[in-house]
């Protein structure tokens, strides 16, 4: 009963999540079709670059959401809200209440820190990403705040490393799909806007599906924060030949209308600390 009441409160406080799953998924499908994205599972042309070398280039998440609420919502691949554990749901409800009181939650991006993975890869109409491939690594240069990310191919996770905002990422090729596993993400860094624990594991799967489209599927696993493994709706990145990334720093936003509302202090109702 308590879980049901809290979930209802969270959905009421977050209108973007109140959209029914069938309508949400229909809107996503229409947006993909409008952007010229091939349907999921469509045959890949023989001339399409595949495997190592197919990731290189400057990419943009160019899918246009069909309504503003979709851009602000986070859904599973089935169109449902993420399956939160009760303690994590309480935090989200607390953040919503704080925002209504005029104290919006200061996430890492509002504090000039990295937005993190997978957020930086799936943000609708987000800044550009330059992907550089080498035999033993893939490097991603983000236009957003001039961040960067390194993925070591065939490596193991570093057991002695401290948690970081981008996490520890290792990759491997599985046929024509580049599979990336990220762990050891700092607890201060939300995952798609939700708290997590040190058990977090993010898996990204990249595959070239047309001459100018890169498909991305993301799976999130954290038994400490979510009741089950879940996946985001697929995204596609569009390659822009000859594109140049611009300089973008957090101070560029210092004069934004809401700049004064972000104090870097977490709201009073919700602790970020997961239960023991």
Protein backbone atom coordinates (compact mmCIF):
# COMPACT_ATOMS: atom_id res chain seq x y z
CA UNK A 1 0.00 0.00 0.00
CA UNK A 2 2.79 2.44 0.90
CA UNK A 3 4.59 1.67 -2.38
CA UNK A 4 1.37 2.30 -4.34
CA UNK A 5 0.72 5.64 -2.63
CA UNK A 6 4.30 6.82 -3.17
CA UNK A 7 4.24 5.82 -6.81
CA UNK A 8 1.00 7.70 -7.34
CA UNK A 9 2.51 10.75 -5.62
CA UNK A 10 5.60 10.55 -7.81
CA UNK A 11 3.57 10.34 -11.01
CA UNK A 12 1.38 13.24 -9.94
CA UNK A 13 4.46 15.33 -9.15
CA UNK A 14 6.13 14.42 -12.44
CA UNK A 15 3.58 14.99 -15.26
CA UNK A 16 5.99 13.69 -17.93
CA UNK A 17 5.80 10.23 -16.38
CA UNK A 18 2.00 10.29 -16.25
CA UNK A 19 1.71 9.75 -20.01
CA UNK A 20 0.39 6.19 -20.63
CA UNK A 21 2.98 3.72 -21.97
CA UNK A 22 1.18 2.95 -25.29
CA UNK A 23 0.88 6.65 -26.16
CA UNK A 24 4.48 7.29 -25.13
CA UNK A 25 5.79 4.49 -27.36
CA UNK A 26 3.57 5.58 -30.26
CA UNK A 27 4.97 9.12 -29.97
CA UNK A 28 8.53 7.74 -30.02
CA UNK A 29 7.79 5.66 -33.12
CA UNK A 30 6.34 8.68 -34.93
CA UNK A 31 9.37 10.78 -33.97
CA UNK A 32 11.74 8.13 -35.33
CA UNK A 33 9.81 7.85 -38.59
CA UNK A 34 9.80 11.63 -38.98
CA UNK A 35 13.57 11.65 -38.48
CA UNK A 36 14.07 8.96 -41.15
CA UNK A 37 15.21 6.26 -38.72
CA UNK A 38 14.77 2.68 -40.01
CA UNK A 39 12.36 0.55 -37.96
CA UNK A 40 14.00 -1.57 -35.28
CA UNK A 41 15.15 -4.89 -36.76
CA UNK A 42 15.12 -3.63 -40.38
CA UNK A 43 17.74 -5.25 -42.69
CA UNK A 44 21.08 -3.46 -42.88
CA UNK A 45 22.38 -2.63 -46.35
CA UNK A 46 25.54 -4.46 -47.40
CA UNK A 47 27.23 -1.13 -48.13
CA UNK A 48 26.76 0.09 -44.54
CA UNK A 49 30.06 0.27 -42.57
CA UNK A 50 30.06 -2.37 -39.83
CA UNK A 51 32.33 -3.55 -37.05
CA UNK A 52 35.61 -1.83 -36.08
CA UNK A 53 35.93 1.55 -37.77
CA UNK A 54 32.18 2.08 -38.07
CA UNK A 55 31.93 4.28 -34.97
CA UNK A 56 34.36 6.99 -36.06
CA UNK A 57 32.88 10.41 -36.78
CA UNK A 58 30.87 13.25 -35.26
CA UNK A 59 27.42 12.17 -34.11
CA UNK A 60 24.31 13.99 -32.91
CA UNK A 61 21.20 12.67 -31.21
CA UNK A 62 18.97 14.30 -33.77
CA UNK A 63 15.64 12.62 -32.96
CA UNK A 64 13.02 15.27 -32.32
CA UNK A 65 10.55 14.44 -29.58
CA UNK A 66 6.93 14.85 -30.64
CA UNK A 67 6.08 16.77 -27.47
CA UNK A 68 8.04 18.60 -24.73
CA UNK A 69 6.97 16.16 -22.00
CA UNK A 70 8.69 13.26 -23.78
CA UNK A 71 12.04 15.04 -23.64
CA UNK A 72 11.79 15.40 -19.87
CA UNK A 73 10.64 11.85 -19.13
CA UNK A 74 12.68 8.70 -18.61
CA UNK A 75 11.02 5.47 -19.65
CA UNK A 76 11.86 1.82 -20.04
CA UNK A 77 11.92 0.23 -23.50
CA UNK A 78 8.33 -0.83 -22.81
CA UNK A 79 7.27 2.75 -22.10
CA UNK A 80 6.91 2.37 -18.33
CA UNK A 81 8.55 4.39 -15.51
CA UNK A 82 11.83 2.88 -14.24
CA UNK A 83 11.28 0.09 -11.66
CA UNK A 84 12.57 1.86 -8.56
CA UNK A 85 13.21 0.38 -5.14
CA UNK A 86 11.13 2.06 -2.44
CA UNK A 87 14.02 4.10 -0.95
CA UNK A 88 14.93 5.48 -4.40
CA UNK A 89 11.29 6.32 -5.12
CA UNK A 90 11.12 8.29 -1.87
CA UNK A 91 14.08 10.37 -3.03
CA UNK A 92 12.37 11.19 -6.33
CA UNK A 93 9.17 12.17 -4.51
CA UNK A 94 11.22 14.35 -2.15
CA UNK A 95 12.97 16.09 -5.03
CA UNK A 96 9.64 16.83 -6.70
CA UNK A 97 8.29 18.31 -3.46
CA UNK A 98 11.42 20.45 -3.04
CA UNK A 99 11.07 21.78 -6.58
CA UNK A 100 7.46 22.75 -5.91
CA UNK A 101 8.77 24.71 -2.90
CA UNK A 102 11.20 26.59 -5.15
CA UNK A 103 14.28 24.47 -4.37
CA UNK A 104 15.08 22.41 -7.47
CA UNK A 105 17.48 19.53 -7.02
CA UNK A 106 21.01 20.47 -8.11
CA UNK A 107 22.22 17.56 -10.22
CA UNK A 108 25.80 17.26 -11.41
CA UNK A 109 25.28 19.14 -14.67
CA UNK A 110 23.83 22.14 -12.83
CA UNK A 111 26.99 22.14 -10.68
CA UNK A 112 29.31 22.19 -13.69
CA UNK A 113 30.15 18.50 -13.30
CA UNK A 114 29.79 15.76 -15.96
CA UNK A 115 26.24 14.76 -16.80
CA UNK A 116 27.35 11.13 -16.92
CA UNK A 117 26.50 7.96 -18.79
CA UNK A 118 24.11 7.15 -20.40
CA UNK A 119 22.59 10.63 -20.11
CA UNK A 120 25.25 12.22 -22.33
CA UNK A 121 24.59 9.66 -25.07
CA UNK A 122 20.78 9.79 -25.18
CA UNK A 123 19.88 13.43 -24.51
CA UNK A 124 17.31 14.52 -27.15
CA UNK A 125 18.78 17.00 -29.62
CA UNK A 126 21.94 17.01 -27.53
CA UNK A 127 25.37 18.45 -28.35
CA UNK A 128 27.74 16.64 -30.68
CA UNK A 129 29.96 13.66 -29.85
CA UNK A 130 33.18 12.88 -31.72
CA UNK A 131 34.11 9.20 -31.56
CA UNK A 132 37.74 8.23 -32.17
CA UNK A 133 38.66 4.57 -32.65
CA UNK A 134 42.03 2.97 -31.98
CA UNK A 135 42.90 -0.76 -31.88
CA UNK A 136 42.70 -0.95 -28.08
CA UNK A 137 40.45 1.95 -27.14
CA UNK A 138 37.53 4.14 -28.15
CA UNK A 139 37.56 7.78 -27.07
CA UNK A 140 34.47 9.98 -27.01
CA UNK A 141 34.83 13.77 -27.03
CA UNK A 142 31.66 15.56 -25.93
CA UNK A 143 30.78 19.08 -27.04
CA UNK A 144 28.82 19.41 -23.79
CA UNK A 145 31.17 21.04 -21.26
CA UNK A 146 34.13 19.70 -23.27
CA UNK A 147 33.92 16.35 -21.43
CA UNK A 148 35.60 13.18 -22.63
CA UNK A 149 35.36 9.45 -22.06
CA UNK A 150 37.77 6.56 -22.64
CA UNK A 151 36.66 2.98 -23.28
CA UNK A 152 39.40 0.32 -23.16
CA UNK A 153 38.83 -2.59 -25.53
CA UNK A 154 39.36 -6.08 -24.13
CA UNK A 155 40.35 -4.73 -20.71
CA UNK A 156 39.06 -5.66 -17.27
CA UNK A 157 37.52 -3.24 -14.79
CA UNK A 158 40.05 -1.63 -12.45
CA UNK A 159 39.38 -2.99 -8.98
CA UNK A 160 41.52 -0.39 -7.18
CA UNK A 161 40.10 2.71 -8.90
CA UNK A 162 38.03 5.31 -7.08
CA UNK A 163 34.47 5.97 -8.35
CA UNK A 164 34.17 8.68 -11.02
CA UNK A 165 31.35 10.65 -12.61
CA UNK A 166 31.81 8.86 -15.95
CA UNK A 167 32.50 5.48 -14.38
CA UNK A 168 34.95 2.78 -15.50
CA UNK A 169 34.13 1.65 -19.05
CA UNK A 170 35.46 -1.40 -20.92
CA UNK A 171 34.38 -2.53 -24.37
CA UNK A 172 34.44 -5.44 -26.80
CA UNK A 173 33.19 -6.20 -30.29
CA UNK A 174 30.39 -8.77 -30.60
CA UNK A 175 30.08 -9.21 -34.35
CA UNK A 176 29.05 -5.79 -35.72
CA UNK A 177 28.01 -4.48 -32.28
CA UNK A 178 30.30 -2.61 -29.90
CA UNK A 179 29.38 -3.56 -26.34
CA UNK A 180 30.41 -1.24 -23.48
CA UNK A 181 30.08 -2.08 -19.78
CA UNK A 182 30.37 0.73 -17.22
CA UNK A 183 30.69 0.28 -13.45
CA UNK A 184 32.15 2.21 -10.50
CA UNK A 185 30.02 5.34 -11.01
CA UNK A 186 30.21 7.94 -8.24
CA UNK A 187 27.09 7.90 -6.03
CA UNK A 188 26.81 11.66 -6.51
CA UNK A 189 26.06 10.99 -10.19
CA UNK A 190 22.46 10.09 -10.99
CA UNK A 191 21.71 7.52 -13.68
CA UNK A 192 19.06 9.01 -15.98
CA UNK A 193 17.96 11.24 -13.12
CA UNK A 194 17.66 8.46 -10.52
CA UNK A 195 19.86 7.54 -7.53
CA UNK A 196 21.85 4.32 -7.60
CA UNK A 197 24.19 2.17 -5.50
CA UNK A 198 27.69 0.78 -5.99
CA UNK A 199 26.10 -2.25 -7.67
CA UNK A 200 25.23 -0.18 -10.77
CA UNK A 201 26.13 -1.75 -14.12
CA UNK A 202 25.35 0.02 -17.42
CA UNK A 203 25.64 -1.82 -20.74
CA UNK A 204 25.58 0.09 -24.05
CA UNK A 205 25.34 -1.58 -27.45
CA UNK A 206 26.36 0.44 -30.52
CA UNK A 207 25.67 -0.73 -34.08
CA UNK A 208 25.81 1.09 -37.41
CA UNK A 209 22.46 0.61 -39.16
CA UNK A 210 22.72 3.01 -42.13
CA UNK A 211 25.37 5.15 -43.77
CA UNK A 212 24.64 7.98 -41.33
CA UNK A 213 22.90 6.31 -38.36
CA UNK A 214 24.32 4.62 -35.27
CA UNK A 215 21.90 2.61 -33.13
CA UNK A 216 22.33 2.67 -29.35
CA UNK A 217 20.62 0.33 -26.86
CA UNK A 218 21.19 0.79 -23.12
CA UNK A 219 20.52 -1.68 -20.30
CA UNK A 220 20.68 -0.64 -16.63
CA UNK A 221 21.18 -3.06 -13.76
CA UNK A 222 21.36 -2.18 -10.07
CA UNK A 223 19.66 -4.58 -7.63
CA UNK A 224 20.23 -2.01 -4.88
CA UNK A 225 18.18 0.73 -6.55
CA UNK A 226 15.89 -1.01 -9.07
CA UNK A 227 13.61 -4.01 -8.71
CA UNK A 228 14.78 -5.53 -12.02
CA UNK A 229 17.09 -5.01 -14.97
CA UNK A 230 15.62 -2.48 -17.42
CA UNK A 231 16.43 -0.91 -20.77
CA UNK A 232 15.95 2.53 -22.27
CA UNK A 233 14.09 2.95 -25.58
CA UNK A 234 16.64 2.67 -28.37
CA UNK A 235 18.28 5.83 -29.63
CA UNK A 236 19.96 6.58 -32.90
CA UNK A 237 22.80 9.03 -33.42
CA UNK A 238 23.14 10.81 -36.77
CA UNK A 239 26.55 11.26 -38.37
CA UNK A 240 27.32 14.75 -39.64
CA UNK A 241 30.14 14.63 -42.19
CA UNK A 242 32.58 17.51 -41.76
CA UNK A 243 31.01 18.67 -38.48
CA UNK A 244 33.26 20.48 -36.01
CA UNK A 245 32.61 20.47 -32.27
CA UNK A 246 32.38 23.89 -30.67
CA UNK A 247 33.70 25.00 -27.30
CA UNK A 248 31.03 24.65 -24.63
CA UNK A 249 31.77 25.37 -20.98
CA UNK A 250 29.53 25.37 -17.95
CA UNK A 251 30.10 29.11 -17.49
CA UNK A 252 28.30 29.62 -20.81
CA UNK A 253 25.09 29.13 -18.83
CA UNK A 254 25.88 31.50 -15.97
CA UNK A 255 23.37 34.06 -17.23
CA UNK A 256 20.55 31.57 -17.83
CA UNK A 257 17.19 32.63 -16.33
CA UNK A 258 17.27 29.80 -13.78
CA UNK A 259 20.96 30.09 -12.91
CA UNK A 260 20.28 31.51 -9.43
CA UNK A 261 17.98 28.61 -8.53
CA UNK A 262 20.82 26.08 -8.55
CA UNK A 263 22.69 26.37 -5.29
CA UNK A 264 24.58 23.09 -5.42
CA UNK A 265 22.84 22.06 -2.19
CA UNK A 266 20.61 19.02 -2.19
CA UNK A 267 17.01 19.44 -1.11
CA UNK A 268 16.17 19.02 2.59
CA UNK A 269 13.67 16.18 2.18
CA UNK A 270 15.73 13.56 0.38
CA UNK A 271 18.99 11.93 1.35
CA UNK A 272 21.17 10.61 -1.48
CA UNK A 273 22.50 7.80 0.66
CA UNK A 274 21.15 4.33 -0.25
CA UNK A 275 20.11 2.05 2.63
CA UNK A 276 22.68 -0.24 4.22
